[in-house]
C-alpha atoms as a PDB file:
ATOM      1  CA  UNK A   1       4.320   0.383  28.004  1.00  0.00           C
ATOM      2  CA  UNK A   2       1.472   2.725  28.546  1.00  0.00           C
ATOM      3  CA  UNK A   3       3.774   5.709  28.481  1.00  0.00           C
ATOM      4  CA  UNK A   4       5.153   4.554  25.010  1.00  0.00           C
ATOM      5  CA  UNK A   5       1.599   4.068  23.770  1.00  0.00           C
ATOM      6  CA  UNK A   6       0.736   7.597  24.868  1.00  0.00           C
ATOM      7  CA  UNK A   7       3.945   8.878  23.171  1.00  0.00           C
ATOM      8  CA  UNK A   8       3.097   7.294  19.829  1.00  0.00           C
ATOM      9  CA  UNK A   9      -0.682   7.512  19.957  1.00  0.00           C
ATOM     10  CA  UNK A  10      -0.778   9.951  16.996  1.00  0.00           C
ATOM     11  CA  UNK A  11       0.570   7.161  14.793  1.00  0.00           C
ATOM     12  CA  UNK A  12      -2.465   4.925  15.226  1.00  0.00           C
ATOM     13  CA  UNK A  13      -4.896   6.832  12.876  1.00  0.00           C
ATOM     14  CA  UNK A  14      -2.349   6.568  10.005  1.00  0.00           C
ATOM     15  CA  UNK A  15      -1.833   2.901  10.686  1.00  0.00           C
ATOM     16  CA  UNK A  16      -5.464   1.992  10.932  1.00  0.00           C
ATOM     17  CA  UNK A  17      -6.545   3.998   7.885  1.00  0.00           C
ATOM     18  CA  UNK A  18      -3.629   2.760   5.743  1.00  0.00           C
ATOM     19  CA  UNK A  19      -4.001  -0.917   6.728  1.00  0.00           C
ATOM     20  CA  UNK A  20      -7.706  -1.022   6.030  1.00  0.00           C
ATOM     21  CA  UNK A  21      -7.480   0.871   2.704  1.00  0.00           C
ATOM     22  CA  UNK A  22      -4.607  -1.326   1.443  1.00  0.00           C
ATOM     23  CA  UNK A  23      -6.580  -4.396   2.284  1.00  0.00           C
ATOM     24  CA  UNK A  24      -9.593  -3.054   0.424  1.00  0.00           C
ATOM     25  CA  UNK A  25      -7.520  -2.137  -2.643  1.00  0.00           C
ATOM     26  CA  UNK A  26      -5.820  -5.496  -2.592  1.00  0.00           C
ATOM     27  CA  UNK A  27      -9.304  -7.089  -2.499  1.00  0.00           C
ATOM     28  CA  UNK A  28     -10.313  -5.160  -5.644  1.00  0.00           C
ATOM     29  CA  UNK A  29      -7.049  -6.053  -7.417  1.00  0.00           C
ATOM     30  CA  UNK A  30      -7.509  -9.731  -6.944  1.00  0.00           C
ATOM     31  CA  UNK A  31     -10.431 -10.237  -9.382  1.00  0.00           C
ATOM     32  CA  UNK A  32      -8.507  -8.116 -11.877  1.00  0.00           C
ATOM     33  CA  UNK A  33      -5.547 -10.568 -11.678  1.00  0.00           C
ATOM     34  CA  UNK A  34      -3.138  -7.698 -11.313  1.00  0.00           C
ATOM     35  CA  UNK A  35      -0.742  -9.121  -8.741  1.00  0.00           C
ATOM     36  CA  UNK A  36       2.339  -8.930 -10.943  1.00  0.00           C
ATOM     37  CA  UNK A  37       1.303  -5.466 -12.203  1.00  0.00           C
ATOM     38  CA  UNK A  38       0.984  -4.328  -8.553  1.00  0.00           C
ATOM     39  CA  UNK A  39       4.492  -5.464  -7.793  1.00  0.00           C
ATOM     40  CA  UNK A  40       5.785  -3.587 -10.854  1.00  0.00           C
ATOM     41  CA  UNK A  41       3.891  -0.396  -9.930  1.00  0.00           C
ATOM     42  CA  UNK A  42       5.145  -0.506  -6.377  1.00  0.00           C
ATOM     43  CA  UNK A  43       8.747  -0.872  -7.538  1.00  0.00           C
ATOM     44  CA  UNK A  44       8.275   1.964 -10.023  1.00  0.00           C
ATOM     45  CA  UNK A  45       6.771   4.076  -7.280  1.00  0.00           C
ATOM     46  CA  UNK A  46       9.756   3.309  -5.027  1.00  0.00           C
ATOM     47  CA  UNK A  47      12.135   4.362  -7.863  1.00  0.00           C
ATOM     48  CA  UNK A  48      10.083   7.535  -8.326  1.00  0.00           C
ATOM     49  CA  UNK A  49      10.199   8.375  -4.616  1.00  0.00           C
ATOM     50  CA  UNK A  50      14.037   7.941  -4.651  1.00  0.00           C
ATOM     51  CA  UNK A  51      14.204  10.385  -7.528  1.00  0.00           C
ATOM     52  CA  UNK A  52      12.021  12.730  -5.493  1.00  0.00           C
ATOM     53  CA  UNK A  53      14.541  12.621  -2.687  1.00  0.00           C
ATOM     54  CA  UNK A  54      17.289  13.573  -5.065  1.00  0.00           C
ATOM     55  CA  UNK A  55      15.202  16.516  -6.442  1.00  0.00           C
ATOM     56  CA  UNK A  56      14.224  17.587  -2.929  1.00  0.00           C
ATOM     57  CA  UNK A  57      17.873  17.577  -1.651  1.00  0.00           C
ATOM     58  CA  UNK A  58      18.917  19.715  -4.633  1.00  0.00           C
ATOM     59  CA  UNK A  59      16.322  22.384  -3.935  1.00  0.00           C
ATOM     60  CA  UNK A  60      16.774  25.262  -1.512  1.00  0.00           C
ATOM     61  CA  UNK A  61      14.283  27.451   0.311  1.00  0.00           C
ATOM     62  CA  UNK A  62      11.149  25.370  -0.196  1.00  0.00           C
ATOM     63  CA  UNK A  63       8.358  25.159   2.287  1.00  0.00           C
ATOM     64  CA  UNK A  64       8.081  22.174   4.639  1.00  0.00           C
ATOM     65  CA  UNK A  65       4.765  21.144   3.036  1.00  0.00           C
ATOM     66  CA  UNK A  66       6.322  20.867  -0.463  1.00  0.00           C
ATOM     67  CA  UNK A  67       9.517  19.350   1.120  1.00  0.00           C
ATOM     68  CA  UNK A  68       7.541  16.279   2.158  1.00  0.00           C
ATOM     69  CA  UNK A  69       5.325  16.143  -0.906  1.00  0.00           C
ATOM     70  CA  UNK A  70       8.018  16.087  -3.609  1.00  0.00           C
ATOM     71  CA  UNK A  71       9.001  12.394  -3.133  1.00  0.00           C
ATOM     72  CA  UNK A  72       5.325  11.445  -3.044  1.00  0.00           C
ATOM     73  CA  UNK A  73       4.399  13.442  -6.232  1.00  0.00           C
ATOM     74  CA  UNK A  74       7.512  12.065  -8.010  1.00  0.00           C
ATOM     75  CA  UNK A  75       6.524   8.478  -7.162  1.00  0.00           C
ATOM     76  CA  UNK A  76       2.931   8.907  -8.306  1.00  0.00           C
ATOM     77  CA  UNK A  77       3.878  10.616 -11.603  1.00  0.00           C
ATOM     78  CA  UNK A  78       6.555   8.074 -12.534  1.00  0.00           C
ATOM     79  CA  UNK A  79       4.439   5.064 -11.632  1.00  0.00           C
ATOM     80  CA  UNK A  80       1.347   6.321 -13.531  1.00  0.00           C
ATOM     81  CA  UNK A  81       3.411   7.554 -16.542  1.00  0.00           C
ATOM     82  CA  UNK A  82       5.476   4.509 -17.014  1.00  0.00           C
ATOM     83  CA  UNK A  83       2.669   2.228 -15.980  1.00  0.00           C
ATOM     84  CA  UNK A  84       0.516   3.474 -18.902  1.00  0.00           C
ATOM     85  CA  UNK A  85       3.394   3.033 -21.388  1.00  0.00           C
ATOM     86  CA  UNK A  86       4.081  -0.456 -20.159  1.00  0.00           C
ATOM     87  CA  UNK A  87       0.313  -1.338 -20.180  1.00  0.00           C
ATOM     88  CA  UNK A  88       0.201  -0.643 -23.906  1.00  0.00           C
ATOM     89  CA  UNK A  89       3.148  -2.988 -24.590  1.00  0.00           C
ATOM     90  CA  UNK A  90       1.794  -5.679 -22.219  1.00  0.00           C
ATOM     91  CA  UNK A  91      -1.376  -6.086 -24.351  1.00  0.00           C
ATOM     92  CA  UNK A  92       0.818  -7.707 -27.031  1.00  0.00           C
ATOM     93  CA  UNK A  93       3.556  -9.241 -24.919  1.00  0.00           C
ATOM     94  CA  UNK A  94       1.611 -10.699 -21.908  1.00  0.00           C
ATOM     95  CA  UNK A  95       2.052 -10.547 -18.072  1.00  0.00           C
ATOM     96  CA  UNK A  96       5.740 -11.356 -18.315  1.00  0.00           C
ATOM     97  CA  UNK A  97       6.290  -7.765 -19.428  1.00  0.00           C
ATOM     98  CA  UNK A  98       5.304  -6.536 -15.928  1.00  0.00           C
ATOM     99  CA  UNK A  99       7.804  -8.835 -14.325  1.00  0.00           C
ATOM    100  CA  UNK A 100      10.581  -7.618 -16.663  1.00  0.00           C
ATOM    101  CA  UNK A 101       9.923  -3.956 -15.684  1.00  0.00           C
ATOM    102  CA  UNK A 102       9.676  -4.858 -12.027  1.00  0.00           C
ATOM    103  CA  UNK A 103      13.236  -6.222 -12.295  1.00  0.00           C
ATOM    104  CA  UNK A 104      14.430  -3.164 -14.306  1.00  0.00           C
ATOM    105  CA  UNK A 105      12.969  -0.754 -11.674  1.00  0.00           C
ATOM    106  CA  UNK A 106      14.614  -2.761  -8.870  1.00  0.00           C
ATOM    107  CA  UNK A 107      17.943  -2.588 -10.592  1.00  0.00           C
ATOM    108  CA  UNK A 108      17.440   1.157 -11.189  1.00  0.00           C
ATOM    109  CA  UNK A 109      17.001   1.623  -7.463  1.00  0.00           C
ATOM    110  CA  UNK A 110      20.271  -0.193  -6.757  1.00  0.00           C
ATOM    111  CA  UNK A 111      22.051   1.903  -9.378  1.00  0.00           C
ATOM    112  CA  UNK A 112      20.731   5.116  -7.845  1.00  0.00           C
ATOM    113  CA  UNK A 113      22.139   4.033  -4.415  1.00  0.00           C
ATOM    114  CA  UNK A 114      25.539   3.259  -5.968  1.00  0.00           C
ATOM    115  CA  UNK A 115      25.666   6.655  -7.738  1.00  0.00           C
ATOM    116  CA  UNK A 116      24.267   8.637  -4.744  1.00  0.00           C
ATOM    117  CA  UNK A 117      25.297   6.944  -1.445  1.00  0.00           C
ATOM    118  CA  UNK A 118      23.205   9.395   0.535  1.00  0.00           C
ATOM    119  CA  UNK A 119      20.107   7.622  -0.783  1.00  0.00           C
ATOM    120  CA  UNK A 120      21.003   4.409   0.874  1.00  0.00           C
ATOM    121  CA  UNK A 121      19.503   5.336   4.230  1.00  0.00           C
ATOM    122  CA  UNK A 122      16.378   6.599   2.506  1.00  0.00           C
ATOM    123  CA  UNK A 123      15.993   3.353   0.597  1.00  0.00           C
ATOM    124  CA  UNK A 124      16.525   1.271   3.603  1.00  0.00           C
ATOM    125  CA  UNK A 125      14.036   3.288   5.672  1.00  0.00           C
ATOM    126  CA  UNK A 126      11.392   3.159   2.894  1.00  0.00           C
ATOM    127  CA  UNK A 127      11.812  -0.519   2.227  1.00  0.00           C
ATOM    128  CA  UNK A 128      11.940  -1.731   5.838  1.00  0.00           C
ATOM    129  CA  UNK A 129       9.681   0.962   7.302  1.00  0.00           C
ATOM    130  CA  UNK A 130      10.427   2.997  10.354  1.00  0.00           C
ATOM    131  CA  UNK A 131       7.298   4.740  11.269  1.00  0.00           C
ATOM    132  CA  UNK A 132       8.412   5.650  14.834  1.00  0.00           C
ATOM    133  CA  UNK A 133      10.976   8.104  13.324  1.00  0.00           C
ATOM    134  CA  UNK A 134       8.428  10.015  11.327  1.00  0.00           C
ATOM    135  CA  UNK A 135       8.322  13.712  12.164  1.00  0.00           C
ATOM    136  CA  UNK A 136       5.231  15.501  13.475  1.00  0.00           C
ATOM    137  CA  UNK A 137       4.616  17.539  10.282  1.00  0.00           C
ATOM    138  CA  UNK A 138       5.203  14.562   7.961  1.00  0.00           C
ATOM    139  CA  UNK A 139       2.839  12.453  10.139  1.00  0.00           C
ATOM    140  CA  UNK A 140       0.194  15.160   9.925  1.00  0.00           C
ATOM    141  CA  UNK A 141       0.528  15.515   6.137  1.00  0.00           C
ATOM    142  CA  UNK A 142       0.419  11.671   5.675  1.00  0.00           C
ATOM    143  CA  UNK A 143      -2.594  11.293   7.989  1.00  0.00           C
ATOM    144  CA  UNK A 144      -4.521  14.024   6.241  1.00  0.00           C
ATOM    145  CA  UNK A 145      -3.833  12.519   2.772  1.00  0.00           C
ATOM    146  CA  UNK A 146      -4.786   9.042   4.054  1.00  0.00           C
ATOM    147  CA  UNK A 147      -8.005  10.381   5.506  1.00  0.00           C
ATOM    148  CA  UNK A 148      -8.780  12.064   2.134  1.00  0.00           C
ATOM    149  CA  UNK A 149      -8.156   8.759   0.405  1.00  0.00           C
ATOM    150  CA  UNK A 150     -10.614   7.087   2.924  1.00  0.00           C
ATOM    151  CA  UNK A 151     -13.247   9.627   1.943  1.00  0.00           C
ATOM    152  CA  UNK A 152     -12.496   9.081  -1.742  1.00  0.00           C
ATOM    153  CA  UNK A 153     -12.793   5.386  -1.421  1.00  0.00           C
ATOM    154  CA  UNK A 154     -16.043   5.624   0.627  1.00  0.00           C
ATOM    155  CA  UNK A 155     -17.586   7.752  -2.207  1.00  0.00           C
ATOM    156  CA  UNK A 156     -16.572   5.356  -4.939  1.00  0.00           C
ATOM    157  CA  UNK A 157     -16.536   1.966  -3.171  1.00  0.00           C
ATOM    158  CA  UNK A 158     -19.866   0.896  -4.810  1.00  0.00           C
ATOM    159  CA  UNK A 159     -18.372   1.426  -8.225  1.00  0.00           C
ATOM    160  CA  UNK A 160     -15.207  -0.482  -7.297  1.00  0.00           C
ATOM    161  CA  UNK A 161     -17.235  -3.348  -5.810  1.00  0.00           C
ATOM    162  CA  UNK A 162     -19.426  -3.523  -8.900  1.00  0.00           C
ATOM    163  CA  UNK A 163     -16.323  -3.733 -11.144  1.00  0.00           C
ATOM    164  CA  UNK A 164     -14.766  -6.410  -8.903  1.00  0.00           C
ATOM    165  CA  UNK A 165     -18.009  -8.450  -8.975  1.00  0.00           C
ATOM    166  CA  UNK A 166     -18.088  -8.185 -12.812  1.00  0.00           C
ATOM    167  CA  UNK A 167     -14.486  -9.300 -13.047  1.00  0.00           C
ATOM    168  CA  UNK A 168     -15.028 -12.312 -10.785  1.00  0.00           C
ATOM    169  CA  UNK A 169     -18.314 -13.367 -12.402  1.00  0.00           C
ATOM    170  CA  UNK A 170     -17.758 -12.584 -16.101  1.00  0.00           C
ATOM    171  CA  UNK A 171     -13.998 -12.058 -16.375  1.00  0.00           C
ATOM    172  CA  UNK A 172     -14.403  -8.522 -17.644  1.00  0.00           C
ATOM    173  CA  UNK A 173     -16.030  -5.175 -16.758  1.00  0.00           C
ATOM    174  CA  UNK A 174     -19.055  -3.826 -18.420  1.00  0.00           C
ATOM    175  CA  UNK A 175     -18.552  -0.893 -20.796  1.00  0.00           C
ATOM    176  CA  UNK A 176     -20.981   1.362 -18.927  1.00  0.00           C
ATOM    177  CA  UNK A 177     -19.137   4.094 -17.200  1.00  0.00           C
ATOM    178  CA  UNK A 178     -15.791   2.360 -17.795  1.00  0.00           C
ATOM    179  CA  UNK A 179     -13.951   5.619 -18.400  1.00  0.00           C
ATOM    180  CA  UNK A 180     -14.917   6.784 -14.949  1.00  0.00           C
ATOM    181  CA  UNK A 181     -13.331   3.855 -13.230  1.00  0.00           C
ATOM    182  CA  UNK A 182     -10.192   5.665 -11.877  1.00  0.00           C
ATOM    183  CA  UNK A 183      -9.290   2.800  -9.635  1.00  0.00           C
ATOM    184  CA  UNK A 184      -5.749   2.475 -10.925  1.00  0.00           C
ATOM    185  CA  UNK A 185      -4.990   6.133 -10.187  1.00  0.00           C
ATOM    186  CA  UNK A 186      -6.410   5.859  -6.740  1.00  0.00           C
ATOM    187  CA  UNK A 187      -4.529   2.611  -6.001  1.00  0.00           C
ATOM    188  CA  UNK A 188      -1.177   4.063  -7.238  1.00  0.00           C
ATOM    189  CA  UNK A 189      -1.663   7.191  -5.038  1.00  0.00           C
ATOM    190  CA  UNK A 190      -2.421   5.022  -2.051  1.00  0.00           C
ATOM    191  CA  UNK A 191       0.510   2.716  -2.626  1.00  0.00           C
ATOM    192  CA  UNK A 192       2.969   5.599  -3.025  1.00  0.00           C
ATOM    193  CA  UNK A 193       1.563   7.422   0.117  1.00  0.00           C
ATOM    194  CA  UNK A 194       1.870   4.205   2.124  1.00  0.00           C
ATOM    195  CA  UNK A 195       5.363   3.158   1.076  1.00  0.00           C
ATOM    196  CA  UNK A 196       6.708   6.737   1.391  1.00  0.00           C
ATOM    197  CA  UNK A 197       5.278   7.167   4.937  1.00  0.00           C
ATOM    198  CA  UNK A 198       5.359   3.622   6.375  1.00  0.00           C
ATOM    199  CA  UNK A 199       7.423   1.440   4.037  1.00  0.00           C
ATOM    200  CA  UNK A 200       7.378  -0.910   1.118  1.00  0.00           C
ATOM    201  CA  UNK A 201       7.284  -4.229   3.100  1.00  0.00           C
ATOM    202  CA  UNK A 202       4.237  -2.924   5.073  1.00  0.00           C
ATOM    203  CA  UNK A 203       2.497  -1.753   1.948  1.00  0.00           C
ATOM    204  CA  UNK A 204       2.911  -4.995  -0.088  1.00  0.00           C
ATOM    205  CA  UNK A 205       2.005  -7.147   2.851  1.00  0.00           C
ATOM    206  CA  UNK A 206      -1.250  -5.335   3.692  1.00  0.00           C
ATOM    207  CA  UNK A 207      -2.068  -5.042  -0.011  1.00  0.00           C
ATOM    208  CA  UNK A 208      -1.711  -8.703  -0.892  1.00  0.00           C
ATOM    209  CA  UNK A 209      -1.852 -10.947   2.182  1.00  0.00           C
ATOM    210  CA  UNK A 210      -5.482 -10.225   3.377  1.00  0.00           C
ATOM    211  CA  UNK A 211      -7.151 -10.667   0.006  1.00  0.00           C
ATOM    212  CA  UNK A 212      -5.275 -13.911  -0.658  1.00  0.00           C
ATOM    213  CA  UNK A 213      -5.769 -15.607   2.782  1.00  0.00           C
ATOM    214  CA  UNK A 214      -9.428 -14.401   3.231  1.00  0.00           C
ATOM    215  CA  UNK A 215     -10.443 -15.399  -0.287  1.00  0.00           C
ATOM    216  CA  UNK A 216      -9.184 -18.962   0.435  1.00  0.00           C
ATOM    217  CA  UNK A 217     -11.671 -19.365   3.312  1.00  0.00           C
ATOM    218  CA  UNK A 218     -14.491 -16.935   2.632  1.00  0.00           C
ATOM    219  CA  UNK A 219     -17.071 -16.791  -0.142  1.00  0.00           C
ATOM    220  CA  UNK A 220     -18.893 -13.580  -1.015  1.00  0.00           C
ATOM    221  CA  UNK A 221     -17.494 -10.153  -1.752  1.00  0.00           C
ATOM    222  CA  UNK A 222     -19.142  -8.256   1.086  1.00  0.00           C
ATOM    223  CA  UNK A 223     -18.239 -10.916   3.632  1.00  0.00           C
ATOM    224  CA  UNK A 224     -14.686 -10.882   2.385  1.00  0.00           C
ATOM    225  CA  UNK A 225     -14.522  -7.092   2.748  1.00  0.00           C
ATOM    226  CA  UNK A 226     -15.856  -7.236   6.309  1.00  0.00           C
ATOM    227  CA  UNK A 227     -13.232  -9.908   7.225  1.00  0.00           C
ATOM    228  CA  UNK A 228     -10.438  -7.867   5.604  1.00  0.00           C
ATOM    229  CA  UNK A 229     -11.554  -4.700   7.462  1.00  0.00           C
ATOM    230  CA  UNK A 230     -11.497  -6.451  10.884  1.00  0.00           C
ATOM    231  CA  UNK A 231      -8.112  -8.232  10.273  1.00  0.00           C
ATOM    232  CA  UNK A 232      -6.307  -5.152   9.109  1.00  0.00           C
ATOM    233  CA  UNK A 233      -7.895  -2.958  11.736  1.00  0.00           C
ATOM    234  CA  UNK A 234      -6.569  -5.318  14.454  1.00  0.00           C
ATOM    235  CA  UNK A 235      -3.187  -6.230  12.959  1.00  0.00           C
ATOM    236  CA  UNK A 236      -1.431  -2.916  12.471  1.00  0.00           C
ATOM    237  CA  UNK A 237      -2.095  -1.455  15.926  1.00  0.00           C
ATOM    238  CA  UNK A 238      -1.519  -4.843  17.606  1.00  0.00           C
ATOM    239  CA  UNK A 239       1.871  -5.427  15.836  1.00  0.00           C
ATOM    240  CA  UNK A 240       2.993  -1.870  16.540  1.00  0.00           C
ATOM    241  CA  UNK A 241       1.991  -2.166  20.274  1.00  0.00           C
ATOM    242  CA  UNK A 242       3.919  -5.506  20.484  1.00  0.00           C
ATOM    243  CA  UNK A 243       7.061  -3.974  19.030  1.00  0.00           C
ATOM    244  CA  UNK A 244       6.929  -1.235  21.590  1.00  0.00           C
ATOM    245  CA  UNK A 245       6.696  -3.829  24.346  1.00  0.00           C
ATOM    246  CA  UNK A 246       9.662  -5.781  23.044  1.00  0.00           C
ATOM    247  CA  UNK A 247      12.500  -3.619  21.986  1.00  0.00           C
ATOM    248  CA  UNK A 248      14.181  -6.220  19.770  1.00  0.00           C
ATOM    249  CA  UNK A 249      11.097  -6.900  17.845  1.00  0.00           C
ATOM    250  CA  UNK A 250      10.827  -5.096  14.492  1.00  0.00           C
ATOM    251  CA  UNK A 251       7.627  -3.130  13.915  1.00  0.00           C
ATOM    252  CA  UNK A 252       6.599  -4.127  10.424  1.00  0.00           C
ATOM    253  CA  UNK A 253       7.376  -7.882  10.821  1.00  0.00           C
ATOM    254  CA  UNK A 254       5.276  -7.874  13.999  1.00  0.00           C
ATOM    255  CA  UNK A 255       2.440  -6.255  12.073  1.00  0.00           C
ATOM    256  CA  UNK A 256       2.780  -8.903   9.284  1.00  0.00           C
ATOM    257  CA  UNK A 257       2.706 -11.705  11.843  1.00  0.00           C
ATOM    258  CA  UNK A 258      -0.533 -10.403  13.412  1.00  0.00           C
ATOM    259  CA  UNK A 259      -1.956  -9.924   9.912  1.00  0.00           C
ATOM    260  CA  UNK A 260      -1.303 -13.538   8.838  1.00  0.00           C
ATOM    261  CA  UNK A 261      -2.523 -14.953  12.125  1.00  0.00           C
ATOM    262  CA  UNK A 262      -5.767 -12.947  12.146  1.00  0.00           C
ATOM    263  CA  UNK A 263      -6.490 -13.666   8.415  1.00  0.00           C
ATOM    264  CA  UNK A 264      -6.162 -17.389   9.161  1.00  0.00           C
ATOM    265  CA  UNK A 265      -7.994 -17.399  12.465  1.00  0.00           C
ATOM    266  CA  UNK A 266     -10.944 -15.026  11.933  1.00  0.00           C
ATOM    267  CA  UNK A 267     -12.634 -16.857   9.048  1.00  0.00           C
ATOM    268  CA  UNK A 268     -12.255 -20.147  10.949  1.00  0.00           C
ATOM    269  CA  UNK A 269     -13.844 -18.642  14.067  1.00  0.00           C
ATOM    270  CA  UNK A 270     -16.713 -17.157  11.930  1.00  0.00           C
ATOM    271  CA  UNK A 271     -17.441 -20.616  10.527  1.00  0.00           C
ATOM    272  CA  UNK A 272     -17.277 -22.204  13.999  1.00  0.00           C
ATOM    273  CA  UNK A 273     -19.781 -19.653  15.406  1.00  0.00           C
ATOM    274  CA  UNK A 274     -22.258 -20.327  12.609  1.00  0.00           C
ATOM    275  CA  UNK A 275     -22.287 -23.982  13.431  1.00  0.00           C
END
């Protein structure tokens, strides 16, 4: 067990950073009531990453850095581009418009797999997640990008927290500095980075589960953020370590199990200690 942990120890920074950041982004998305939109953007990102794999496989003599970045950039550009177009239509057609394009993007991924059978393994790996097979260079690039995202969030977290508070209290954001709130761009970049390096199931779980379960038991924005940080920090490494100890246990489902368990238990323990 200890030998395996030593072998995969370089994975832990990526897991810890991604899990905490996804939990924080999900927390800020909750007051914005963007759950369905998040599902749509994730599926659009997955479709973009698949197109990126096609583009990458058709290119020759490209450096290893760009080799790993092409699917990521393709996913970000497609999700942001189509996301903005869909957002304009949604204003007149309602939330159901997001759900329609979520289904369209999902069908498009299936069609791509049918037309290009070589993408099937990529799609399965991205959806289920198989972080133990990530190469050293890809791990280094992903960890560096995730660390940069953490620095970016730390710089703007007060702005994001203010906007979340306004959404929760008044149902809308103040007009002051609204154009500088680039939260959606940041969240899309983070989602694409996480799903392309760790997997879609992991990304959606750590994005949505903590904010939902913690908000049911905890009041106060800062207290909720602290709870989310603790739960996500524990869950990803614990689930990964458990999957190493038991060969038949899948990595991402083990992480999700720990995430749900900790999100239910920690607020209860916090209330019990206060009494």
